[in-house]
Amino acid sequence: MKVFELVLSSDDPSQPVSDAERLFSNVASRVMVTRRMHLWHPPTDVLETETAIVVLVELSGMGQGEINVDLNGRQLTISGIRGLADKYRKYFYHRMEVNYGEFRTEVQLPAAVSPENVEASYADGFLEIVLPRRKAKVIDVTEE
């Protein structure tokens, strides 16, 4: 790991660091932290009850139709795009930690589920997907 250290000094005792400080402050005042629109992964919890597998995904600020849920066998994929609100696009950010842009999270389910009975709801910034476990099929054995 490399550590960089900025040392401000001058050979002129009457101007100890003012030129370097001025240069640094001019550059620092023009630095803007931005995040590119990129694929990000929302925090996701997977838990198992006696009858179902429950997936909770933190997706605050999403609207109806912005979240896609796809179940293919035991692979659950949640994806979508969270856009930056138009009213905030024109401002200068000093700190930006909320992820925006395209997201995707994939969950390998620990058990087989009944796809026809899956329920998904979104409230208070959380997507909740309840996937009922598939019941074992009982096969009668006949004698010949």
C-alpha atoms as a PDB file:
ATOM      1  CA  MET A   1       0.000   0.000   0.000  1.00  0.00           C
ATOM      2  CA  LYS A   2       1.348   3.423  -0.941  1.00  0.00           C
ATOM      3  CA  VAL A   3       0.853   6.425   1.288  1.00  0.00           C
ATOM      4  CA  PHE A   4       1.332   9.888  -0.156  1.00  0.00           C
ATOM      5  CA  GLU A   5       2.228  12.859   1.982  1.00  0.00           C
ATOM      6  CA  LEU A   6       2.037  16.482   0.903  1.00  0.00           C
ATOM      7  CA  VAL A   7       4.809  18.553   2.465  1.00  0.00           C
ATOM      8  CA  LEU A   8       4.497  22.304   2.119  1.00  0.00           C
ATOM      9  CA  SER A   9       7.818  24.106   2.399  1.00  0.00           C
ATOM     10  CA  SER A  10       9.786  26.936   0.850  1.00  0.00           C
ATOM     11  CA  ASP A  11      13.417  28.092   0.689  1.00  0.00           C
ATOM     12  CA  ASP A  12      12.297  31.684   1.278  1.00  0.00           C
ATOM     13  CA  PRO A  13      11.667  32.226   5.020  1.00  0.00           C
ATOM     14  CA  SER A  14       9.515  35.317   4.324  1.00  0.00           C
ATOM     15  CA  GLN A  15       7.126  33.206   2.190  1.00  0.00           C
ATOM     16  CA  PRO A  16       7.151  29.904   4.119  1.00  0.00           C
ATOM     17  CA  VAL A  17       4.280  28.105   2.406  1.00  0.00           C
ATOM     18  CA  SER A  18       1.885  30.722   1.116  1.00  0.00           C
ATOM     19  CA  ASP A  19       2.443  29.962  -2.597  1.00  0.00           C
ATOM     20  CA  ALA A  20       1.998  26.224  -2.074  1.00  0.00           C
ATOM     21  CA  GLU A  21      -0.999  26.780   0.185  1.00  0.00           C
ATOM     22  CA  ARG A  22      -2.568  29.107  -2.374  1.00  0.00           C
ATOM     23  CA  LEU A  23      -2.035  26.582  -5.180  1.00  0.00           C
ATOM     24  CA  PHE A  24      -3.448  23.732  -3.118  1.00  0.00           C
ATOM     25  CA  SER A  25      -6.486  25.732  -1.960  1.00  0.00           C
ATOM     26  CA  ASN A  26      -7.232  26.823  -5.563  1.00  0.00           C
ATOM     27  CA  VAL A  27      -7.134  23.224  -6.763  1.00  0.00           C
ATOM     28  CA  ALA A  28      -9.071  21.875  -3.754  1.00  0.00           C
ATOM     29  CA  SER A  29     -11.833  24.452  -4.166  1.00  0.00           C
ATOM     30  CA  ARG A  30     -12.441  23.256  -7.730  1.00  0.00           C
ATOM     31  CA  VAL A  31     -12.519  19.533  -7.023  1.00  0.00           C
ATOM     32  CA  MET A  32     -15.916  17.993  -7.445  1.00  0.00           C
ATOM     33  CA  VAL A  33     -16.625  14.433  -6.388  1.00  0.00           C
ATOM     34  CA  THR A  34     -18.845  12.683  -8.880  1.00  0.00           C
ATOM     35  CA  ARG A  35     -20.004   9.150  -9.369  1.00  0.00           C
ATOM     36  CA  ARG A  36     -20.413   7.686 -12.767  1.00  0.00           C
ATOM     37  CA  MET A  37     -23.527   5.781 -13.554  1.00  0.00           C
ATOM     38  CA  HIS A  38     -22.362   2.222 -12.991  1.00  0.00           C
ATOM     39  CA  LEU A  39     -23.612  -1.150 -11.918  1.00  0.00           C
ATOM     40  CA  TRP A  40     -23.995  -1.279  -8.149  1.00  0.00           C
ATOM     41  CA  HIS A  41     -25.274  -3.919  -5.761  1.00  0.00           C
ATOM     42  CA  PRO A  42     -27.928  -2.973  -3.196  1.00  0.00           C
ATOM     43  CA  PRO A  43     -27.706  -4.451   0.330  1.00  0.00           C
ATOM     44  CA  THR A  44     -29.575  -7.762   0.259  1.00  0.00           C
ATOM     45  CA  ASP A  45     -30.655 -10.145   3.025  1.00  0.00           C
ATOM     46  CA  VAL A  46     -31.776 -13.731   2.442  1.00  0.00           C
ATOM     47  CA  LEU A  47     -33.538 -15.590   5.237  1.00  0.00           C
ATOM     48  CA  GLU A  48     -35.399 -18.826   5.526  1.00  0.00           C
ATOM     49  CA  THR A  49     -38.604 -19.476   7.453  1.00  0.00           C
ATOM     50  CA  GLU A  50     -40.367 -22.798   7.931  1.00  0.00           C
ATOM     51  CA  THR A  51     -42.377 -22.308   4.750  1.00  0.00           C
ATOM     52  CA  ALA A  52     -40.539 -19.795   2.567  1.00  0.00           C
ATOM     53  CA  ILE A  53     -37.337 -18.076   1.555  1.00  0.00           C
ATOM     54  CA  VAL A  54     -37.523 -14.313   2.051  1.00  0.00           C
ATOM     55  CA  VAL A  55     -35.288 -11.851   0.206  1.00  0.00           C
ATOM     56  CA  LEU A  56     -35.074  -8.241   1.456  1.00  0.00           C
ATOM     57  CA  VAL A  57     -33.389  -5.633  -0.745  1.00  0.00           C
ATOM     58  CA  GLU A  58     -32.745  -2.044   0.367  1.00  0.00           C
ATOM     59  CA  LEU A  59     -33.812   0.186  -2.551  1.00  0.00           C
ATOM     60  CA  SER A  60     -34.910   3.541  -1.192  1.00  0.00           C
ATOM     61  CA  GLY A  61     -36.149   6.181  -3.586  1.00  0.00           C
ATOM     62  CA  MET A  62     -37.430   3.815  -6.242  1.00  0.00           C
ATOM     63  CA  GLY A  63     -40.728   4.224  -8.061  1.00  0.00           C
ATOM     64  CA  GLN A  64     -43.199   1.723  -9.394  1.00  0.00           C
ATOM     65  CA  GLY A  65     -41.912   0.072 -12.546  1.00  0.00           C
ATOM     66  CA  GLU A  66     -38.218   0.786 -11.822  1.00  0.00           C
ATOM     67  CA  ILE A  67     -37.517  -2.622 -10.256  1.00  0.00           C
ATOM     68  CA  ASN A  68     -37.308  -5.888 -12.193  1.00  0.00           C
ATOM     69  CA  VAL A  69     -37.530  -9.288 -10.489  1.00  0.00           C
ATOM     70  CA  ASP A  70     -36.697 -12.434 -12.458  1.00  0.00           C
ATOM     71  CA  LEU A  71     -36.822 -16.009 -11.152  1.00  0.00           C
ATOM     72  CA  ASN A  72     -35.154 -18.697 -13.235  1.00  0.00           C
ATOM     73  CA  GLY A  73     -35.018 -22.001 -11.375  1.00  0.00           C
ATOM     74  CA  ARG A  74     -33.141 -21.283  -8.144  1.00  0.00           C
ATOM     75  CA  GLN A  75     -31.573 -18.054  -9.470  1.00  0.00           C
ATOM     76  CA  LEU A  76     -33.325 -14.831  -8.404  1.00  0.00           C
ATOM     77  CA  THR A  77     -32.209 -11.613 -10.109  1.00  0.00           C
ATOM     78  CA  ILE A  78     -33.249  -8.134  -8.976  1.00  0.00           C
ATOM     79  CA  SER A  79     -32.285  -5.241 -11.255  1.00  0.00           C
ATOM     80  CA  GLY A  80     -33.271  -1.747 -12.277  1.00  0.00           C
ATOM     81  CA  ILE A  81     -32.116   1.847 -12.460  1.00  0.00           C
ATOM     82  CA  ARG A  82     -32.244   4.414  -9.671  1.00  0.00           C
ATOM     83  CA  GLY A  83     -31.975   7.884 -11.148  1.00  0.00           C
ATOM     84  CA  LEU A  84     -30.781  11.037  -9.471  1.00  0.00           C
ATOM     85  CA  ALA A  85     -33.740  13.333  -8.849  1.00  0.00           C
ATOM     86  CA  ASP A  86     -33.879  16.122 -11.456  1.00  0.00           C
ATOM     87  CA  LYS A  87     -34.063  18.823  -8.794  1.00  0.00           C
ATOM     88  CA  TYR A  88     -30.601  17.812  -7.509  1.00  0.00           C
ATOM     89  CA  ARG A  89     -28.779  17.340 -10.835  1.00  0.00           C
ATOM     90  CA  LYS A  90     -27.675  20.969 -11.167  1.00  0.00           C
ATOM     91  CA  TYR A  91     -25.969  21.279  -7.784  1.00  0.00           C
ATOM     92  CA  PHE A  92     -22.356  20.943  -6.686  1.00  0.00           C
ATOM     93  CA  TYR A  93     -21.913  17.908  -4.417  1.00  0.00           C
ATOM     94  CA  HIS A  94     -19.477  17.985  -1.507  1.00  0.00           C
ATOM     95  CA  ARG A  95     -20.218  14.384  -0.614  1.00  0.00           C
ATOM     96  CA  MET A  96     -22.092  11.726  -2.578  1.00  0.00           C
ATOM     97  CA  GLU A  97     -22.531   8.276  -1.052  1.00  0.00           C
ATOM     98  CA  VAL A  98     -25.929   7.216  -2.351  1.00  0.00           C
ATOM     99  CA  ASN A  99     -25.609   4.940  -5.379  1.00  0.00           C
ATOM    100  CA  TYR A 100     -27.437   5.896  -8.559  1.00  0.00           C
ATOM    101  CA  GLY A 101     -27.650   4.263 -11.933  1.00  0.00           C
ATOM    102  CA  GLU A 102     -28.071   0.659 -12.927  1.00  0.00           C
ATOM    103  CA  PHE A 103     -28.126  -1.953 -10.171  1.00  0.00           C
ATOM    104  CA  ARG A 104     -28.255  -5.707 -10.100  1.00  0.00           C
ATOM    105  CA  THR A 105     -28.138  -8.346  -7.413  1.00  0.00           C
ATOM    106  CA  GLU A 106     -28.355 -12.080  -7.883  1.00  0.00           C
ATOM    107  CA  VAL A 107     -29.366 -14.593  -5.241  1.00  0.00           C
ATOM    108  CA  GLN A 108     -28.800 -18.323  -5.508  1.00  0.00           C
ATOM    109  CA  LEU A 109     -31.762 -19.687  -3.559  1.00  0.00           C
ATOM    110  CA  PRO A 110     -30.912 -22.388  -1.001  1.00  0.00           C
ATOM    111  CA  ALA A 111     -33.987 -24.499  -1.854  1.00  0.00           C
ATOM    112  CA  ALA A 112     -36.477 -25.070  -4.648  1.00  0.00           C
ATOM    113  CA  VAL A 113     -39.451 -22.686  -4.622  1.00  0.00           C
ATOM    114  CA  SER A 114     -42.939 -22.580  -6.130  1.00  0.00           C
ATOM    115  CA  PRO A 115     -42.661 -19.849  -8.799  1.00  0.00           C
ATOM    116  CA  GLU A 116     -46.423 -19.503  -9.206  1.00  0.00           C
ATOM    117  CA  ASN A 117     -46.824 -18.431  -5.549  1.00  0.00           C
ATOM    118  CA  VAL A 118     -44.018 -15.850  -5.312  1.00  0.00           C
ATOM    119  CA  GLU A 119     -45.071 -12.474  -3.877  1.00  0.00           C
ATOM    120  CA  ALA A 120     -43.147  -9.194  -4.048  1.00  0.00           C
ATOM    121  CA  SER A 121     -43.911  -5.913  -2.291  1.00  0.00           C
ATOM    122  CA  TYR A 122     -42.116  -2.593  -1.916  1.00  0.00           C
ATOM    123  CA  ALA A 123     -42.575  -0.350   1.116  1.00  0.00           C
ATOM    124  CA  ASP A 124     -40.445   2.051   3.160  1.00  0.00           C
ATOM    125  CA  GLY A 125     -37.478   1.623   0.815  1.00  0.00           C
ATOM    126  CA  PHE A 126     -37.359  -2.179   1.030  1.00  0.00           C
ATOM    127  CA  LEU A 127     -38.288  -4.714  -1.607  1.00  0.00           C
ATOM    128  CA  GLU A 128     -39.565  -7.898   0.040  1.00  0.00           C
ATOM    129  CA  ILE A 129     -39.827 -11.067  -2.025  1.00  0.00           C
ATOM    130  CA  VAL A 130     -41.457 -14.103  -0.419  1.00  0.00           C
ATOM    131  CA  LEU A 131     -40.729 -17.349  -2.232  1.00  0.00           C
ATOM    132  CA  PRO A 132     -42.731 -20.296  -0.828  1.00  0.00           C
ATOM    133  CA  ARG A 133     -40.738 -23.503  -0.707  1.00  0.00           C
ATOM    134  CA  ARG A 134     -41.796 -26.190  -3.131  1.00  0.00           C
ATOM    135  CA  LYS A 135     -43.427 -29.085  -1.345  1.00  0.00           C
ATOM    136  CA  ALA A 136     -41.931 -32.484  -1.936  1.00  0.00           C
ATOM    137  CA  LYS A 137     -43.911 -34.588  -4.317  1.00  0.00           C
ATOM    138  CA  VAL A 138     -45.034 -37.879  -2.812  1.00  0.00           C
ATOM    139  CA  ILE A 139     -44.790 -40.730  -5.294  1.00  0.00           C
ATOM    140  CA  ASP A 140     -46.803 -43.885  -4.744  1.00  0.00           C
ATOM    141  CA  VAL A 141     -44.943 -47.081  -5.487  1.00  0.00           C
ATOM    142  CA  THR A 142     -47.050 -49.807  -7.024  1.00  0.00           C
ATOM    143  CA  GLU A 143     -46.405 -53.512  -7.027  1.00  0.00           C
ATOM    144  CA  GLU A 144     -46.546 -55.402 -10.258  1.00  0.00           C
END
